[in-house]
Amino acid sequence: MKLVEDTNIAVGKGLTVYTDAVKFGGVNDFALSYIVTCTGIPSIRIQMEQGINKPTTENVADAGFGVPKTVGDIETALTSKTIQHMQLTPVTLGYIRFKITDNDTGPTDTVVNMWITLQKKSFSD
Protein backbone atom coordinates (compact mmCIF):
# COMPACT_ATOMS: atom_id res chain seq x y z
CA MET A 1 0.00 0.00 0.00
CA LYS A 2 2.96 2.27 -0.43
CA LEU A 3 2.78 4.91 -3.14
CA VAL A 4 6.47 4.81 -4.00
CA GLU A 5 7.97 1.32 -3.66
CA ASP A 6 4.84 -0.80 -4.24
CA THR A 7 1.99 0.70 -6.21
CA ASN A 8 -0.04 -2.51 -6.60
CA ILE A 9 -2.92 -2.00 -4.16
CA ALA A 10 -5.28 -4.99 -3.96
CA VAL A 11 -8.85 -3.98 -3.15
CA GLY A 12 -11.08 -6.95 -2.36
CA LYS A 13 -14.80 -6.91 -3.08
CA GLY A 14 -16.55 -4.58 -0.62
CA LEU A 15 -13.31 -3.69 1.21
CA THR A 16 -11.60 -0.41 2.04
CA VAL A 17 -7.81 -0.01 2.00
CA TYR A 18 -5.60 2.91 2.96
CA THR A 19 -2.26 3.77 1.39
CA ASP A 20 0.70 4.64 3.56
CA ALA A 21 0.75 8.26 4.67
CA VAL A 22 3.28 10.45 2.86
CA LYS A 23 4.82 13.57 4.39
CA PHE A 24 3.64 16.42 2.23
CA GLY A 25 4.78 20.00 1.72
CA GLY A 26 7.04 22.40 -0.11
CA VAL A 27 5.56 21.78 -3.56
CA ASN A 28 3.62 23.96 -5.97
CA ASP A 29 1.79 21.35 -8.04
CA PHE A 30 0.43 17.97 -7.10
CA ALA A 31 -1.09 15.31 -9.34
CA LEU A 32 -2.29 11.77 -8.90
CA SER A 33 -2.22 9.14 -11.64
CA TYR A 34 -4.00 5.82 -11.23
CA ILE A 35 -5.13 2.81 -13.19
CA VAL A 36 -7.33 -0.15 -12.24
CA THR A 37 -6.88 -3.73 -13.44
CA CYS A 38 -9.27 -6.64 -12.87
CA THR A 39 -11.08 -9.40 -14.75
CA GLY A 40 -14.45 -7.63 -14.89
CA ILE A 41 -15.76 -4.09 -14.52
CA PRO A 42 -14.39 -2.28 -11.46
CA SER A 43 -16.34 0.07 -9.21
CA ILE A 44 -13.84 1.95 -7.09
CA ARG A 45 -14.16 5.02 -4.87
CA ILE A 46 -10.95 7.00 -4.25
CA GLN A 47 -10.66 9.68 -1.57
CA MET A 48 -7.73 11.81 -0.47
CA GLU A 49 -7.29 11.95 3.30
CA GLN A 50 -5.02 14.30 5.20
CA GLY A 51 -3.80 14.58 8.77
CA ILE A 52 -1.63 16.73 10.99
CA ASN A 53 0.46 13.82 12.30
CA LYS A 54 1.54 10.49 10.87
CA PRO A 55 -1.09 7.82 11.60
CA THR A 56 -0.52 5.67 14.67
CA THR A 57 -0.80 2.55 12.49
CA GLU A 58 -0.43 2.63 8.70
CA ASN A 59 -3.09 1.23 6.36
CA VAL A 60 -6.04 1.40 8.77
CA ALA A 61 -8.68 3.98 9.65
CA ASP A 62 -7.25 6.73 11.87
CA ALA A 63 -9.19 9.38 13.80
CA GLY A 64 -6.56 12.00 12.92
CA PHE A 65 -7.14 11.58 9.16
CA GLY A 66 -10.08 12.76 7.11
CA VAL A 67 -11.20 14.01 3.73
CA PRO A 68 -10.77 17.83 3.62
CA LYS A 69 -14.10 19.66 3.35
CA THR A 70 -12.87 21.63 0.32
CA VAL A 71 -11.77 18.53 -1.63
CA GLY A 72 -14.39 16.16 -3.07
CA ASP A 73 -13.90 12.50 -3.89
CA ILE A 74 -11.31 11.82 -6.57
CA GLU A 75 -13.60 9.07 -7.91
CA THR A 76 -17.01 7.92 -6.68
CA ALA A 77 -17.51 4.86 -8.90
CA LEU A 78 -14.55 4.43 -11.26
CA THR A 79 -15.37 1.81 -13.91
CA SER A 80 -12.65 2.67 -16.43
CA LYS A 81 -9.52 0.56 -16.78
CA THR A 82 -7.56 3.28 -18.61
CA ILE A 83 -5.03 5.47 -16.84
CA GLN A 84 -6.48 8.56 -15.14
CA HIS A 85 -4.69 11.79 -14.18
CA MET A 86 -6.07 14.20 -11.60
CA GLN A 87 -4.70 17.58 -10.52
CA LEU A 88 -5.38 17.97 -6.80
CA THR A 89 -5.22 20.84 -4.37
CA PRO A 90 -4.73 19.46 -0.87
CA VAL A 91 -5.12 21.59 2.24
CA THR A 92 -2.00 22.62 4.17
CA LEU A 93 -1.50 19.64 6.48
CA GLY A 94 1.58 17.52 7.13
CA TYR A 95 0.49 14.15 5.76
CA ILE A 96 -1.54 12.78 2.87
CA ARG A 97 -2.84 9.32 2.02
CA PHE A 98 -5.58 7.75 -0.09
CA LYS A 99 -8.62 5.74 0.94
CA ILE A 100 -9.72 3.26 -1.73
CA THR A 101 -13.06 1.47 -1.44
CA ASP A 102 -14.61 -1.22 -3.62
CA ASN A 103 -18.31 -0.33 -4.02
CA ASP A 104 -19.24 -4.01 -3.56
CA THR A 105 -20.17 -4.42 -7.22
CA GLY A 106 -16.69 -5.00 -8.66
CA PRO A 107 -14.81 -8.27 -9.15
CA THR A 108 -12.73 -9.86 -6.38
CA ASP A 109 -9.35 -9.36 -8.10
CA THR A 110 -9.27 -5.53 -8.40
CA VAL A 111 -5.84 -3.91 -8.20
CA VAL A 112 -5.23 -0.14 -8.20
CA ASN A 113 -1.86 1.31 -9.22
CA MET A 114 -1.21 4.90 -8.04
CA TRP A 115 1.55 7.43 -8.58
CA ILE A 116 2.00 10.87 -7.05
CA THR A 117 3.68 13.61 -9.06
CA LEU A 118 5.02 16.62 -7.14
CA GLN A 119 6.54 19.67 -8.80
CA LYS A 120 8.33 22.49 -7.09
CA LYS A 121 8.79 25.64 -9.14
CA SER A 122 11.80 27.82 -8.60
CA PHE A 123 11.64 31.52 -9.21
CA SER A 124 14.64 33.67 -9.91
CA ASP A 125 14.87 37.39 -9.24
C-alpha atoms as a PDB file:
ATOM      1  CA  MET A   1       0.000   0.000   0.000  1.00  0.00           C
ATOM      2  CA  LYS A   2       2.961   2.268  -0.429  1.00  0.00           C
ATOM      3  CA  LEU A   3       2.785   4.909  -3.136  1.00  0.00           C
ATOM      4  CA  VAL A   4       6.473   4.813  -3.997  1.00  0.00           C
ATOM      5  CA  GLU A   5       7.970   1.318  -3.657  1.00  0.00           C
ATOM      6  CA  ASP A   6       4.845  -0.795  -4.241  1.00  0.00           C
ATOM      7  CA  THR A   7       1.990   0.704  -6.209  1.00  0.00           C
ATOM      8  CA  ASN A   8      -0.044  -2.506  -6.596  1.00  0.00           C
ATOM      9  CA  ILE A   9      -2.918  -2.001  -4.163  1.00  0.00           C
ATOM     10  CA  ALA A  10      -5.275  -4.991  -3.965  1.00  0.00           C
ATOM     11  CA  VAL A  11      -8.849  -3.981  -3.149  1.00  0.00           C
ATOM     12  CA  GLY A  12     -11.076  -6.946  -2.362  1.00  0.00           C
ATOM     13  CA  LYS A  13     -14.800  -6.906  -3.078  1.00  0.00           C
ATOM     14  CA  GLY A  14     -16.546  -4.576  -0.616  1.00  0.00           C
ATOM     15  CA  LEU A  15     -13.312  -3.694   1.207  1.00  0.00           C
ATOM     16  CA  THR A  16     -11.602  -0.405   2.045  1.00  0.00           C
ATOM     17  CA  VAL A  17      -7.814  -0.014   2.001  1.00  0.00           C
ATOM     18  CA  TYR A  18      -5.598   2.910   2.958  1.00  0.00           C
ATOM     19  CA  THR A  19      -2.260   3.766   1.389  1.00  0.00           C
ATOM     20  CA  ASP A  20       0.703   4.636   3.561  1.00  0.00           C
ATOM     21  CA  ALA A  21       0.752   8.260   4.668  1.00  0.00           C
ATOM     22  CA  VAL A  22       3.280  10.455   2.860  1.00  0.00           C
ATOM     23  CA  LYS A  23       4.825  13.575   4.391  1.00  0.00           C
ATOM     24  CA  PHE A  24       3.645  16.421   2.227  1.00  0.00           C
ATOM     25  CA  GLY A  25       4.778  20.000   1.721  1.00  0.00           C
ATOM     26  CA  GLY A  26       7.043  22.398  -0.112  1.00  0.00           C
ATOM     27  CA  VAL A  27       5.560  21.781  -3.565  1.00  0.00           C
ATOM     28  CA  ASN A  28       3.623  23.962  -5.975  1.00  0.00           C
ATOM     29  CA  ASP A  29       1.791  21.349  -8.038  1.00  0.00           C
ATOM     30  CA  PHE A  30       0.431  17.975  -7.097  1.00  0.00           C
ATOM     31  CA  ALA A  31      -1.088  15.308  -9.340  1.00  0.00           C
ATOM     32  CA  LEU A  32      -2.293  11.766  -8.901  1.00  0.00           C
ATOM     33  CA  SER A  33      -2.222   9.137 -11.644  1.00  0.00           C
ATOM     34  CA  TYR A  34      -4.001   5.820 -11.230  1.00  0.00           C
ATOM     35  CA  ILE A  35      -5.132   2.807 -13.192  1.00  0.00           C
ATOM     36  CA  VAL A  36      -7.326  -0.154 -12.240  1.00  0.00           C
ATOM     37  CA  THR A  37      -6.881  -3.733 -13.436  1.00  0.00           C
ATOM     38  CA  CYS A  38      -9.272  -6.641 -12.871  1.00  0.00           C
ATOM     39  CA  THR A  39     -11.079  -9.400 -14.754  1.00  0.00           C
ATOM     40  CA  GLY A  40     -14.455  -7.628 -14.893  1.00  0.00           C
ATOM     41  CA  ILE A  41     -15.755  -4.086 -14.524  1.00  0.00           C
ATOM     42  CA  PRO A  42     -14.393  -2.283 -11.461  1.00  0.00           C
ATOM     43  CA  SER A  43     -16.341   0.066  -9.210  1.00  0.00           C
ATOM     44  CA  ILE A  44     -13.839   1.953  -7.087  1.00  0.00           C
ATOM     45  CA  ARG A  45     -14.158   5.020  -4.869  1.00  0.00           C
ATOM     46  CA  ILE A  46     -10.949   6.998  -4.247  1.00  0.00           C
ATOM     47  CA  GLN A  47     -10.659   9.684  -1.572  1.00  0.00           C
ATOM     48  CA  MET A  48      -7.728  11.809  -0.467  1.00  0.00           C
ATOM     49  CA  GLU A  49      -7.294  11.952   3.295  1.00  0.00           C
ATOM     50  CA  GLN A  50      -5.021  14.303   5.205  1.00  0.00           C
ATOM     51  CA  GLY A  51      -3.802  14.576   8.766  1.00  0.00           C
ATOM     52  CA  ILE A  52      -1.627  16.734  10.988  1.00  0.00           C
ATOM     53  CA  ASN A  53       0.464  13.821  12.301  1.00  0.00           C
ATOM     54  CA  LYS A  54       1.544  10.487  10.870  1.00  0.00           C
ATOM     55  CA  PRO A  55      -1.095   7.819  11.597  1.00  0.00           C
ATOM     56  CA  THR A  56      -0.519   5.675  14.670  1.00  0.00           C
ATOM     57  CA  THR A  57      -0.795   2.549  12.488  1.00  0.00           C
ATOM     58  CA  GLU A  58      -0.433   2.633   8.700  1.00  0.00           C
ATOM     59  CA  ASN A  59      -3.089   1.228   6.357  1.00  0.00           C
ATOM     60  CA  VAL A  60      -6.040   1.402   8.774  1.00  0.00           C
ATOM     61  CA  ALA A  61      -8.678   3.981   9.649  1.00  0.00           C
ATOM     62  CA  ASP A  62      -7.249   6.728  11.875  1.00  0.00           C
ATOM     63  CA  ALA A  63      -9.192   9.380  13.799  1.00  0.00           C
ATOM     64  CA  GLY A  64      -6.558  11.997  12.920  1.00  0.00           C
ATOM     65  CA  PHE A  65      -7.142  11.581   9.164  1.00  0.00           C
ATOM     66  CA  GLY A  66     -10.083  12.755   7.110  1.00  0.00           C
ATOM     67  CA  VAL A  67     -11.197  14.015   3.725  1.00  0.00           C
ATOM     68  CA  PRO A  68     -10.770  17.829   3.620  1.00  0.00           C
ATOM     69  CA  LYS A  69     -14.103  19.662   3.353  1.00  0.00           C
ATOM     70  CA  THR A  70     -12.869  21.629   0.321  1.00  0.00           C
ATOM     71  CA  VAL A  71     -11.772  18.531  -1.626  1.00  0.00           C
ATOM     72  CA  GLY A  72     -14.385  16.157  -3.067  1.00  0.00           C
ATOM     73  CA  ASP A  73     -13.901  12.498  -3.891  1.00  0.00           C
ATOM     74  CA  ILE A  74     -11.314  11.824  -6.575  1.00  0.00           C
ATOM     75  CA  GLU A  75     -13.602   9.073  -7.914  1.00  0.00           C
ATOM     76  CA  THR A  76     -17.010   7.924  -6.682  1.00  0.00           C
ATOM     77  CA  ALA A  77     -17.508   4.858  -8.904  1.00  0.00           C
ATOM     78  CA  LEU A  78     -14.549   4.428 -11.264  1.00  0.00           C
ATOM     79  CA  THR A  79     -15.367   1.805 -13.906  1.00  0.00           C
ATOM     80  CA  SER A  80     -12.651   2.675 -16.426  1.00  0.00           C
ATOM     81  CA  LYS A  81      -9.522   0.564 -16.779  1.00  0.00           C
ATOM     82  CA  THR A  82      -7.560   3.276 -18.614  1.00  0.00           C
ATOM     83  CA  ILE A  83      -5.027   5.475 -16.838  1.00  0.00           C
ATOM     84  CA  GLN A  84      -6.476   8.558 -15.137  1.00  0.00           C
ATOM     85  CA  HIS A  85      -4.687  11.789 -14.179  1.00  0.00           C
ATOM     86  CA  MET A  86      -6.069  14.203 -11.604  1.00  0.00           C
ATOM     87  CA  GLN A  87      -4.704  17.580 -10.522  1.00  0.00           C
ATOM     88  CA  LEU A  88      -5.380  17.965  -6.799  1.00  0.00           C
ATOM     89  CA  THR A  89      -5.217  20.837  -4.374  1.00  0.00           C
ATOM     90  CA  PRO A  90      -4.734  19.462  -0.871  1.00  0.00           C
ATOM     91  CA  VAL A  91      -5.115  21.590   2.236  1.00  0.00           C
ATOM     92  CA  THR A  92      -2.000  22.615   4.165  1.00  0.00           C
ATOM     93  CA  LEU A  93      -1.502  19.638   6.481  1.00  0.00           C
ATOM     94  CA  GLY A  94       1.584  17.518   7.132  1.00  0.00           C
ATOM     95  CA  TYR A  95       0.487  14.145   5.764  1.00  0.00           C
ATOM     96  CA  ILE A  96      -1.536  12.783   2.875  1.00  0.00           C
ATOM     97  CA  ARG A  97      -2.837   9.319   2.025  1.00  0.00           C
ATOM     98  CA  PHE A  98      -5.576   7.749  -0.092  1.00  0.00           C
ATOM     99  CA  LYS A  99      -8.617   5.745   0.941  1.00  0.00           C
ATOM    100  CA  ILE A 100      -9.720   3.257  -1.734  1.00  0.00           C
ATOM    101  CA  THR A 101     -13.059   1.472  -1.437  1.00  0.00           C
ATOM    102  CA  ASP A 102     -14.615  -1.218  -3.623  1.00  0.00           C
ATOM    103  CA  ASN A 103     -18.306  -0.327  -4.023  1.00  0.00           C
ATOM    104  CA  ASP A 104     -19.245  -4.008  -3.560  1.00  0.00           C
ATOM    105  CA  THR A 105     -20.166  -4.421  -7.221  1.00  0.00           C
ATOM    106  CA  GLY A 106     -16.691  -5.005  -8.655  1.00  0.00           C
ATOM    107  CA  PRO A 107     -14.809  -8.273  -9.148  1.00  0.00           C
ATOM    108  CA  THR A 108     -12.728  -9.862  -6.381  1.00  0.00           C
ATOM    109  CA  ASP A 109      -9.354  -9.357  -8.103  1.00  0.00           C
ATOM    110  CA  THR A 110      -9.272  -5.530  -8.400  1.00  0.00           C
ATOM    111  CA  VAL A 111      -5.837  -3.907  -8.203  1.00  0.00           C
ATOM    112  CA  VAL A 112      -5.233  -0.140  -8.200  1.00  0.00           C
ATOM    113  CA  ASN A 113      -1.859   1.314  -9.216  1.00  0.00           C
ATOM    114  CA  MET A 114      -1.210   4.896  -8.045  1.00  0.00           C
ATOM    115  CA  TRP A 115       1.546   7.433  -8.582  1.00  0.00           C
ATOM    116  CA  ILE A 116       2.004  10.871  -7.045  1.00  0.00           C
ATOM    117  CA  THR A 117       3.678  13.612  -9.058  1.00  0.00           C
ATOM    118  CA  LEU A 118       5.017  16.617  -7.141  1.00  0.00           C
ATOM    119  CA  GLN A 119       6.543  19.668  -8.802  1.00  0.00           C
ATOM    120  CA  LYS A 120       8.327  22.489  -7.085  1.00  0.00           C
ATOM    121  CA  LYS A 121       8.793  25.636  -9.136  1.00  0.00           C
ATOM    122  CA  SER A 122      11.804  27.819  -8.603  1.00  0.00           C
ATOM    123  CA  PHE A 123      11.640  31.517  -9.209  1.00  0.00           C
ATOM    124  CA  SER A 124      14.643  33.667  -9.910  1.00  0.00           C
ATOM    125  CA  ASP A 125      14.873  37.392  -9.241  1.00  0.00           C
END
